[in-house]
Amino acid sequence: MMELNLLIENKLGLHARPASLFAQKASAYKSTIMILKGEKSVNGKSIIGIMGLGVKQGESLLLKIEGPDADEAAAALQKLVANKFGEE
């Protein structure tokens, strides 16, 4: 299992559009992708789960990725977040 910390920098946090983009990107991989924020843990492939975390700008998330393509998934998701979901 690999763990990755991500800082959410886009202005509106993980609202509907970036949550959808994140879930779509995560769903392209076979690996299990979990997102942890505080005591909450959600499936990284679930738009509703991601939105339910209420992630705001400046907050960090911990991703736990396990599976055959974990490295590729981690790199793709890290790039998506670093590019602020293409919003800026």
PDB file of N, CA and C in Angstrom:
ATOM      1  N   MET A   1       0.849  -1.187   0.000  1.00  0.00           N
ATOM      2  CA  MET A   1       0.000   0.000   0.000  1.00  0.00           C
ATOM      3  C   MET A   1       0.884   1.235   0.000  1.00  0.00           C
ATOM      4  N   MET A   2       0.496   2.200  -0.805  1.00  0.00           N
ATOM      5  CA  MET A   2       1.241   3.455  -0.806  1.00  0.00           C
ATOM      6  C   MET A   2       0.344   4.554  -0.254  1.00  0.00           C
ATOM      7  N   GLU A   3       0.965   5.524   0.379  1.00  0.00           N
ATOM      8  CA  GLU A   3       0.249   6.663   0.937  1.00  0.00           C
ATOM      9  C   GLU A   3       0.798   7.932   0.318  1.00  0.00           C
ATOM     10  N   LEU A   4      -0.110   8.883   0.098  1.00  0.00           N
ATOM     11  CA  LEU A   4       0.247  10.121  -0.576  1.00  0.00           C
ATOM     12  C   LEU A   4      -0.554  11.263   0.041  1.00  0.00           C
ATOM     13  N   ASN A   5       0.132  12.314   0.453  1.00  0.00           N
ATOM     14  CA  ASN A   5      -0.547  13.504   0.969  1.00  0.00           C
ATOM     15  C   ASN A   5      -0.739  14.492  -0.170  1.00  0.00           C
ATOM     16  N   LEU A   6      -1.947  15.030  -0.277  1.00  0.00           N
ATOM     17  CA  LEU A   6      -2.257  16.002  -1.323  1.00  0.00           C
ATOM     18  C   LEU A   6      -2.814  17.266  -0.695  1.00  0.00           C
ATOM     19  N   LEU A   7      -2.330  18.408  -1.137  1.00  0.00           N
ATOM     20  CA  LEU A   7      -2.830  19.700  -0.687  1.00  0.00           C
ATOM     21  C   LEU A   7      -3.785  20.224  -1.751  1.00  0.00           C
ATOM     22  N   ILE A   8      -5.004  20.534  -1.350  1.00  0.00           N
ATOM     23  CA  ILE A   8      -6.008  21.053  -2.280  1.00  0.00           C
ATOM     24  C   ILE A   8      -5.855  22.568  -2.351  1.00  0.00           C
ATOM     25  N   GLU A   9      -5.471  23.060  -3.535  1.00  0.00           N
ATOM     26  CA  GLU A   9      -5.168  24.482  -3.686  1.00  0.00           C
ATOM     27  C   GLU A   9      -6.192  25.255  -4.506  1.00  0.00           C
ATOM     28  N   ASN A  10      -7.073  24.564  -5.229  1.00  0.00           N
ATOM     29  CA  ASN A  10      -8.026  25.328  -6.034  1.00  0.00           C
ATOM     30  C   ASN A  10      -9.010  26.064  -5.133  1.00  0.00           C
ATOM     31  N   LYS A  11      -9.503  27.200  -5.605  1.00  0.00           N
ATOM     32  CA  LYS A  11     -10.253  28.146  -4.779  1.00  0.00           C
ATOM     33  C   LYS A  11     -11.473  27.561  -4.081  1.00  0.00           C
ATOM     34  N   LEU A  12     -12.214  26.700  -4.751  1.00  0.00           N
ATOM     35  CA  LEU A  12     -13.461  26.204  -4.183  1.00  0.00           C
ATOM     36  C   LEU A  12     -13.330  24.819  -3.559  1.00  0.00           C
ATOM     37  N   GLY A  13     -12.125  24.319  -3.436  1.00  0.00           N
ATOM     38  CA  GLY A  13     -11.938  22.995  -2.842  1.00  0.00           C
ATOM     39  C   GLY A  13     -12.487  21.897  -3.743  1.00  0.00           C
ATOM     40  N   LEU A  14     -12.926  20.812  -3.129  1.00  0.00           N
ATOM     41  CA  LEU A  14     -13.436  19.680  -3.906  1.00  0.00           C
ATOM     42  C   LEU A  14     -14.954  19.770  -4.045  1.00  0.00           C
ATOM     43  N   HIS A  15     -15.414  20.762  -4.800  1.00  0.00           N
ATOM     44  CA  HIS A  15     -16.836  20.874  -5.101  1.00  0.00           C
ATOM     45  C   HIS A  15     -17.173  19.869  -6.214  1.00  0.00           C
ATOM     46  N   ALA A  16     -18.354  19.942  -6.785  1.00  0.00           N
ATOM     47  CA  ALA A  16     -18.845  18.913  -7.707  1.00  0.00           C
ATOM     48  C   ALA A  16     -17.915  18.624  -8.888  1.00  0.00           C
ATOM     49  N   ARG A  17     -17.444  19.640  -9.572  1.00  0.00           N
ATOM     50  CA  ARG A  17     -16.634  19.402 -10.765  1.00  0.00           C
ATOM     51  C   ARG A  17     -15.309  18.705 -10.439  1.00  0.00           C
ATOM     52  N   PRO A  18     -14.493  19.235  -9.521  1.00  0.00           N
ATOM     53  CA  PRO A  18     -13.243  18.531  -9.232  1.00  0.00           C
ATOM     54  C   PRO A  18     -13.468  17.160  -8.591  1.00  0.00           C
ATOM     55  N   ALA A  19     -14.518  17.013  -7.797  1.00  0.00           N
ATOM     56  CA  ALA A  19     -14.817  15.696  -7.216  1.00  0.00           C
ATOM     57  C   ALA A  19     -15.116  14.699  -8.328  1.00  0.00           C
ATOM     58  N   SER A  20     -15.861  15.143  -9.334  1.00  0.00           N
ATOM     59  CA  SER A  20     -16.181  14.296 -10.477  1.00  0.00           C
ATOM     60  C   SER A  20     -14.919  13.933 -11.259  1.00  0.00           C
ATOM     61  N   LEU A  21     -14.056  14.916 -11.507  1.00  0.00           N
ATOM     62  CA  LEU A  21     -12.810  14.658 -12.230  1.00  0.00           C
ATOM     63  C   LEU A  21     -11.919  13.686 -11.461  1.00  0.00           C
ATOM     64  N   PHE A  22     -11.855  13.862 -10.153  1.00  0.00           N
ATOM     65  CA  PHE A  22     -11.036  12.979  -9.321  1.00  0.00           C
ATOM     66  C   PHE A  22     -11.566  11.552  -9.392  1.00  0.00           C
ATOM     67  N   ALA A  23     -12.883  11.387  -9.218  1.00  0.00           N
ATOM     68  CA  ALA A  23     -13.492  10.048  -9.237  1.00  0.00           C
ATOM     69  C   ALA A  23     -13.325   9.386 -10.596  1.00  0.00           C
ATOM     70  N   GLN A  24     -13.473  10.165 -11.672  1.00  0.00           N
ATOM     71  CA  GLN A  24     -13.293   9.608 -13.018  1.00  0.00           C
ATOM     72  C   GLN A  24     -11.865   9.129 -13.212  1.00  0.00           C
ATOM     73  N   LYS A  25     -10.907   9.937 -12.793  1.00  0.00           N
ATOM     74  CA  LYS A  25      -9.494   9.568 -12.939  1.00  0.00           C
ATOM     75  C   LYS A  25      -9.188   8.331 -12.094  1.00  0.00           C
ATOM     76  N   ALA A  26      -9.670   8.317 -10.857  1.00  0.00           N
ATOM     77  CA  ALA A  26      -9.426   7.184  -9.959  1.00  0.00           C
ATOM     78  C   ALA A  26     -10.056   5.906 -10.511  1.00  0.00           C
ATOM     79  N   SER A  27     -11.231   6.027 -11.132  1.00  0.00           N
ATOM     80  CA  SER A  27     -11.943   4.859 -11.659  1.00  0.00           C
ATOM     81  C   SER A  27     -11.239   4.215 -12.843  1.00  0.00           C
ATOM     82  N   ALA A  28     -10.298   4.917 -13.432  1.00  0.00           N
ATOM     83  CA  ALA A  28      -9.555   4.372 -14.567  1.00  0.00           C
ATOM     84  C   ALA A  28      -8.517   3.335 -14.126  1.00  0.00           C
ATOM     85  N   TYR A  29      -8.339   3.175 -12.832  1.00  0.00           N
ATOM     86  CA  TYR A  29      -7.329   2.261 -12.308  1.00  0.00           C
ATOM     87  C   TYR A  29      -7.976   1.117 -11.532  1.00  0.00           C
ATOM     88  N   LYS A  30      -7.305  -0.016 -11.537  1.00  0.00           N
ATOM     89  CA  LYS A  30      -7.799  -1.203 -10.836  1.00  0.00           C
ATOM     90  C   LYS A  30      -7.584  -1.110  -9.331  1.00  0.00           C
ATOM     91  N   SER A  31      -6.604  -0.346  -8.928  1.00  0.00           N
ATOM     92  CA  SER A  31      -6.252  -0.233  -7.509  1.00  0.00           C
ATOM     93  C   SER A  31      -7.399   0.325  -6.678  1.00  0.00           C
ATOM     94  N   THR A  32      -7.401  -0.038  -5.405  1.00  0.00           N
ATOM     95  CA  THR A  32      -8.322   0.536  -4.433  1.00  0.00           C
ATOM     96  C   THR A  32      -7.750   1.876  -4.008  1.00  0.00           C
ATOM     97  N   ILE A  33      -8.584   2.914  -4.056  1.00  0.00           N
ATOM     98  CA  ILE A  33      -8.130   4.263  -3.718  1.00  0.00           C
ATOM     99  C   ILE A  33      -9.048   4.812  -2.629  1.00  0.00           C
ATOM    100  N   MET A  34      -8.473   5.050  -1.475  1.00  0.00           N
ATOM    101  CA  MET A  34      -9.232   5.608  -0.348  1.00  0.00           C
ATOM    102  C   MET A  34      -8.705   7.006  -0.052  1.00  0.00           C
ATOM    103  N   ILE A  35      -9.621   7.900   0.293  1.00  0.00           N
ATOM    104  CA  ILE A  35      -9.265   9.269   0.670  1.00  0.00           C
ATOM    105  C   ILE A  35      -9.604   9.441   2.143  1.00  0.00           C
ATOM    106  N   LEU A  36      -8.637   9.924   2.907  1.00  0.00           N
ATOM    107  CA  LEU A  36      -8.853  10.159   4.333  1.00  0.00           C
ATOM    108  C   LEU A  36      -8.695  11.638   4.642  1.00  0.00           C
ATOM    109  N   LYS A  37      -9.672  12.149   5.406  1.00  0.00           N
ATOM    110  CA  LYS A  37      -9.612  13.525   5.907  1.00  0.00           C
ATOM    111  C   LYS A  37     -10.075  13.466   7.351  1.00  0.00           C
ATOM    112  N   GLY A  38      -9.167  13.700   8.261  1.00  0.00           N
ATOM    113  CA  GLY A  38      -9.499  13.578   9.680  1.00  0.00           C
ATOM    114  C   GLY A  38      -9.923  12.157   9.982  1.00  0.00           C
ATOM    115  N   GLU A  39     -11.090  11.988  10.558  1.00  0.00           N
ATOM    116  CA  GLU A  39     -11.599  10.663  10.916  1.00  0.00           C
ATOM    117  C   GLU A  39     -12.397  10.020   9.783  1.00  0.00           C
ATOM    118  N   LYS A  40     -12.655  10.774   8.722  1.00  0.00           N
ATOM    119  CA  LYS A  40     -13.470  10.275   7.614  1.00  0.00           C
ATOM    120  C   LYS A  40     -12.613   9.572   6.574  1.00  0.00           C
ATOM    121  N   SER A  41     -13.173   8.521   5.994  1.00  0.00           N
ATOM    122  CA  SER A  41     -12.510   7.772   4.939  1.00  0.00           C
ATOM    123  C   SER A  41     -13.554   7.441   3.875  1.00  0.00           C
ATOM    124  N   VAL A  42     -13.258   7.756   2.609  1.00  0.00           N
ATOM    125  CA  VAL A  42     -14.203   7.486   1.527  1.00  0.00           C
ATOM    126  C   VAL A  42     -13.496   6.835   0.346  1.00  0.00           C
ATOM    127  N   ASN A  43     -14.287   6.191  -0.486  1.00  0.00           N
ATOM    128  CA  ASN A  43     -13.788   5.592  -1.713  1.00  0.00           C
ATOM    129  C   ASN A  43     -13.449   6.719  -2.688  1.00  0.00           C
ATOM    130  N   GLY A  44     -12.228   6.720  -3.198  1.00  0.00           N
ATOM    131  CA  GLY A  44     -11.786   7.756  -4.130  1.00  0.00           C
ATOM    132  C   GLY A  44     -12.449   7.682  -5.484  1.00  0.00           C
ATOM    133  N   LYS A  45     -13.249   6.657  -5.712  1.00  0.00           N
ATOM    134  CA  LYS A  45     -13.957   6.503  -6.982  1.00  0.00           C
ATOM    135  C   LYS A  45     -15.420   6.940  -6.861  1.00  0.00           C
ATOM    136  N   SER A  46     -15.794   7.487  -5.708  1.00  0.00           N
ATOM    137  CA  SER A  46     -17.168   7.906  -5.438  1.00  0.00           C
ATOM    138  C   SER A  46     -17.287   9.432  -5.388  1.00  0.00           C
ATOM    139  N   ILE A  47     -17.989   9.997  -6.359  1.00  0.00           N
ATOM    140  CA  ILE A  47     -18.177  11.451  -6.387  1.00  0.00           C
ATOM    141  C   ILE A  47     -18.877  11.921  -5.114  1.00  0.00           C
ATOM    142  N   ILE A  48     -19.941  11.229  -4.747  1.00  0.00           N
ATOM    143  CA  ILE A  48     -20.710  11.609  -3.559  1.00  0.00           C
ATOM    144  C   ILE A  48     -19.846  11.520  -2.301  1.00  0.00           C
ATOM    145  N   GLY A  49     -19.052  10.460  -2.204  1.00  0.00           N
ATOM    146  CA  GLY A  49     -18.163  10.300  -1.053  1.00  0.00           C
ATOM    147  C   GLY A  49     -17.158  11.439  -0.958  1.00  0.00           C
ATOM    148  N   ILE A  50     -16.566  11.786  -2.095  1.00  0.00           N
ATOM    149  CA  ILE A  50     -15.570  12.854  -2.120  1.00  0.00           C
ATOM    150  C   ILE A  50     -16.201  14.185  -1.722  1.00  0.00           C
ATOM    151  N   MET A  51     -17.359  14.482  -2.292  1.00  0.00           N
ATOM    152  CA  MET A  51     -18.035  15.735  -1.961  1.00  0.00           C
ATOM    153  C   MET A  51     -18.431  15.774  -0.485  1.00  0.00           C
ATOM    154  N   GLY A  52     -18.755  14.617   0.071  1.00  0.00           N
ATOM    155  CA  GLY A  52     -19.149  14.521   1.473  1.00  0.00           C
ATOM    156  C   GLY A  52     -18.035  14.865   2.453  1.00  0.00           C
ATOM    157  N   LEU A  53     -16.808  14.845   1.982  1.00  0.00           N
ATOM    158  CA  LEU A  53     -15.688  15.215   2.853  1.00  0.00           C
ATOM    159  C   LEU A  53     -15.656  16.719   3.119  1.00  0.00           C
ATOM    160  N   GLY A  54     -16.272  17.506   2.246  1.00  0.00           N
ATOM    161  CA  GLY A  54     -16.297  18.957   2.441  1.00  0.00           C
ATOM    162  C   GLY A  54     -14.920  19.589   2.420  1.00  0.00           C
ATOM    163  N   VAL A  55     -14.077  19.163   1.492  1.00  0.00           N
ATOM    164  CA  VAL A  55     -12.691  19.647   1.439  1.00  0.00           C
ATOM    165  C   VAL A  55     -12.651  21.070   0.890  1.00  0.00           C
ATOM    166  N   LYS A  56     -11.987  21.950   1.635  1.00  0.00           N
ATOM    167  CA  LYS A  56     -11.855  23.354   1.254  1.00  0.00           C
ATOM    168  C   LYS A  56     -10.425  23.644   0.815  1.00  0.00           C
ATOM    169  N   GLN A  57     -10.260  24.795   0.186  1.00  0.00           N
ATOM    170  CA  GLN A  57      -8.936  25.225  -0.243  1.00  0.00           C
ATOM    171  C   GLN A  57      -7.979  25.250   0.946  1.00  0.00           C
ATOM    172  N   GLY A  58      -6.776  24.734   0.738  1.00  0.00           N
ATOM    173  CA  GLY A  58      -5.748  24.744   1.773  1.00  0.00           C
ATOM    174  C   GLY A  58      -5.744  23.518   2.664  1.00  0.00           C
ATOM    175  N   GLU A  59      -6.731  22.634   2.507  1.00  0.00           N
ATOM    176  CA  GLU A  59      -6.771  21.422   3.324  1.00  0.00           C
ATOM    177  C   GLU A  59      -6.006  20.295   2.642  1.00  0.00           C
ATOM    178  N   SER A  60      -5.506  19.395   3.462  1.00  0.00           N
ATOM    179  CA  SER A  60      -4.749  18.251   2.951  1.00  0.00           C
ATOM    180  C   SER A  60      -5.566  16.974   3.076  1.00  0.00           C
ATOM    181  N   LEU A  61      -5.301  16.076   2.154  1.00  0.00           N
ATOM    182  CA  LEU A  61      -5.927  14.752   2.153  1.00  0.00           C
ATOM    183  C   LEU A  61      -4.833  13.699   2.160  1.00  0.00           C
ATOM    184  N   LEU A  62      -5.156  12.550   2.699  1.00  0.00           N
ATOM    185  CA  LEU A  62      -4.252  11.409   2.633  1.00  0.00           C
ATOM    186  C   LEU A  62      -4.898  10.387   1.711  1.00  0.00           C
ATOM    187  N   LEU A  63      -4.179   9.991   0.676  1.00  0.00           N
ATOM    188  CA  LEU A  63      -4.646   8.928  -0.205  1.00  0.00           C
ATOM    189  C   LEU A  63      -3.945   7.644   0.189  1.00  0.00           C
ATOM    190  N   LYS A  64      -4.713   6.559   0.235  1.00  0.00           N
ATOM    191  CA  LYS A  64      -4.150   5.226   0.427  1.00  0.00           C
ATOM    192  C   LYS A  64      -4.523   4.431  -0.808  1.00  0.00           C
ATOM    193  N   ILE A  65      -3.499   3.996  -1.516  1.00  0.00           N
ATOM    194  CA  ILE A  65      -3.712   3.319  -2.791  1.00  0.00           C
ATOM    195  C   ILE A  65      -3.058   1.946  -2.735  1.00  0.00           C
ATOM    196  N   GLU A  66      -3.846   0.934  -3.089  1.00  0.00           N
ATOM    197  CA  GLU A  66      -3.334  -0.430  -3.051  1.00  0.00           C
ATOM    198  C   GLU A  66      -3.829  -1.184  -4.278  1.00  0.00           C
ATOM    199  N   GLY A  67      -2.894  -1.787  -4.999  1.00  0.00           N
ATOM    200  CA  GLY A  67      -3.279  -2.581  -6.152  1.00  0.00           C
ATOM    201  C   GLY A  67      -2.185  -2.631  -7.195  1.00  0.00           C
ATOM    202  N   PRO A  68      -2.484  -3.281  -8.317  1.00  0.00           N
ATOM    203  CA  PRO A  68      -1.462  -3.533  -9.336  1.00  0.00           C
ATOM    204  C   PRO A  68      -0.963  -2.285 -10.053  1.00  0.00           C
ATOM    205  N   ASP A  69      -1.767  -1.236 -10.094  1.00  0.00           N
ATOM    206  CA  ASP A  69      -1.368  -0.007 -10.794  1.00  0.00           C
ATOM    207  C   ASP A  69      -1.324   1.192  -9.848  1.00  0.00           C
ATOM    208  N   ALA A  70      -0.963   0.922  -8.602  1.00  0.00           N
ATOM    209  CA  ALA A  70      -0.954   1.971  -7.573  1.00  0.00           C
ATOM    210  C   ALA A  70      -0.019   3.131  -7.922  1.00  0.00           C
ATOM    211  N   ASP A  71       1.144   2.827  -8.451  1.00  0.00           N
ATOM    212  CA  ASP A  71       2.098   3.891  -8.788  1.00  0.00           C
ATOM    213  C   ASP A  71       1.544   4.816  -9.864  1.00  0.00           C
ATOM    214  N   GLU A  72       0.949   4.225 -10.901  1.00  0.00           N
ATOM    215  CA  GLU A  72       0.380   5.024 -11.987  1.00  0.00           C
ATOM    216  C   GLU A  72      -0.802   5.855 -11.491  1.00  0.00           C
ATOM    217  N   ALA A  73      -1.651   5.252 -10.661  1.00  0.00           N
ATOM    218  CA  ALA A  73      -2.803   5.966 -10.110  1.00  0.00           C
ATOM    219  C   ALA A  73      -2.347   7.144  -9.257  1.00  0.00           C
ATOM    220  N   ALA A  74      -1.360   6.913  -8.407  1.00  0.00           N
ATOM    221  CA  ALA A  74      -0.845   7.973  -7.535  1.00  0.00           C
ATOM    222  C   ALA A  74      -0.297   9.131  -8.362  1.00  0.00           C
ATOM    223  N   ALA A  75       0.467   8.824  -9.386  1.00  0.00           N
ATOM    224  CA  ALA A  75       1.055   9.868 -10.227  1.00  0.00           C
ATOM    225  C   ALA A  75      -0.028  10.675 -10.945  1.00  0.00           C
ATOM    226  N   ALA A  76      -1.032   9.991 -11.477  1.00  0.00           N
ATOM    227  CA  ALA A  76      -2.103  10.670 -12.215  1.00  0.00           C
ATOM    228  C   ALA A  76      -2.939  11.555 -11.296  1.00  0.00           C
ATOM    229  N   LEU A  77      -3.271  11.054 -10.112  1.00  0.00           N
ATOM    230  CA  LEU A  77      -4.084  11.834  -9.181  1.00  0.00           C
ATOM    231  C   LEU A  77      -3.305  13.016  -8.616  1.00  0.00           C
ATOM    232  N   GLN A  78      -2.031  12.801  -8.362  1.00  0.00           N
ATOM    233  CA  GLN A  78      -1.190  13.892  -7.871  1.00  0.00           C
ATOM    234  C   GLN A  78      -1.109  15.002  -8.921  1.00  0.00           C
ATOM    235  N   LYS A  79      -0.972  14.624 -10.183  1.00  0.00           N
ATOM    236  CA  LYS A  79      -0.902  15.603 -11.267  1.00  0.00           C
ATOM    237  C   LYS A  79      -2.226  16.356 -11.385  1.00  0.00           C
ATOM    238  N   LEU A  80      -3.340  15.661 -11.299  1.00  0.00           N
ATOM    239  CA  LEU A  80      -4.659  16.285 -11.383  1.00  0.00           C
ATOM    240  C   LEU A  80      -4.831  17.339 -10.293  1.00  0.00           C
ATOM    241  N   VAL A  81      -4.462  17.006  -9.070  1.00  0.00           N
ATOM    242  CA  VAL A  81      -4.591  17.934  -7.943  1.00  0.00           C
ATOM    243  C   VAL A  81      -3.602  19.088  -8.089  1.00  0.00           C
ATOM    244  N   ALA A  82      -2.376  18.803  -8.500  1.00  0.00           N
ATOM    245  CA  ALA A  82      -1.355  19.852  -8.662  1.00  0.00           C
ATOM    246  C   ALA A  82      -1.762  20.855  -9.733  1.00  0.00           C
ATOM    247  N   ASN A  83      -2.492  20.397 -10.748  1.00  0.00           N
ATOM    248  CA  ASN A  83      -2.965  21.284 -11.818  1.00  0.00           C
ATOM    249  C   ASN A  83      -4.274  21.973 -11.459  1.00  0.00           C
ATOM    250  N   LYS A  84      -4.678  21.873 -10.201  1.00  0.00           N
ATOM    251  CA  LYS A  84      -5.884  22.506  -9.675  1.00  0.00           C
ATOM    252  C   LYS A  84      -7.118  22.142 -10.492  1.00  0.00           C
ATOM    253  N   PHE A  85      -7.153  20.905 -10.969  1.00  0.00           N
ATOM    254  CA  PHE A  85      -8.293  20.371 -11.709  1.00  0.00           C
ATOM    255  C   PHE A  85      -8.601  21.184 -12.956  1.00  0.00           C
ATOM    256  N   GLY A  86      -7.593  21.908 -13.457  1.00  0.00           N
ATOM    257  CA  GLY A  86      -7.757  22.711 -14.662  1.00  0.00           C
ATOM    258  C   GLY A  86      -8.628  23.935 -14.469  1.00  0.00           C
ATOM    259  N   GLU A  87      -8.853  24.356 -13.221  1.00  0.00           N
ATOM    260  CA  GLU A  87      -9.758  25.477 -12.950  1.00  0.00           C
ATOM    261  C   GLU A  87      -9.097  26.846 -13.017  1.00  0.00           C
ATOM    262  N   GLU A  88      -7.782  26.893 -12.958  1.00  0.00           N
ATOM    263  CA  GLU A  88      -7.150  28.220 -12.915  1.00  0.00           C
ATOM    264  C   GLU A  88      -6.167  28.376 -14.047  1.00  0.00           C
TER     265      GLU A  88
END
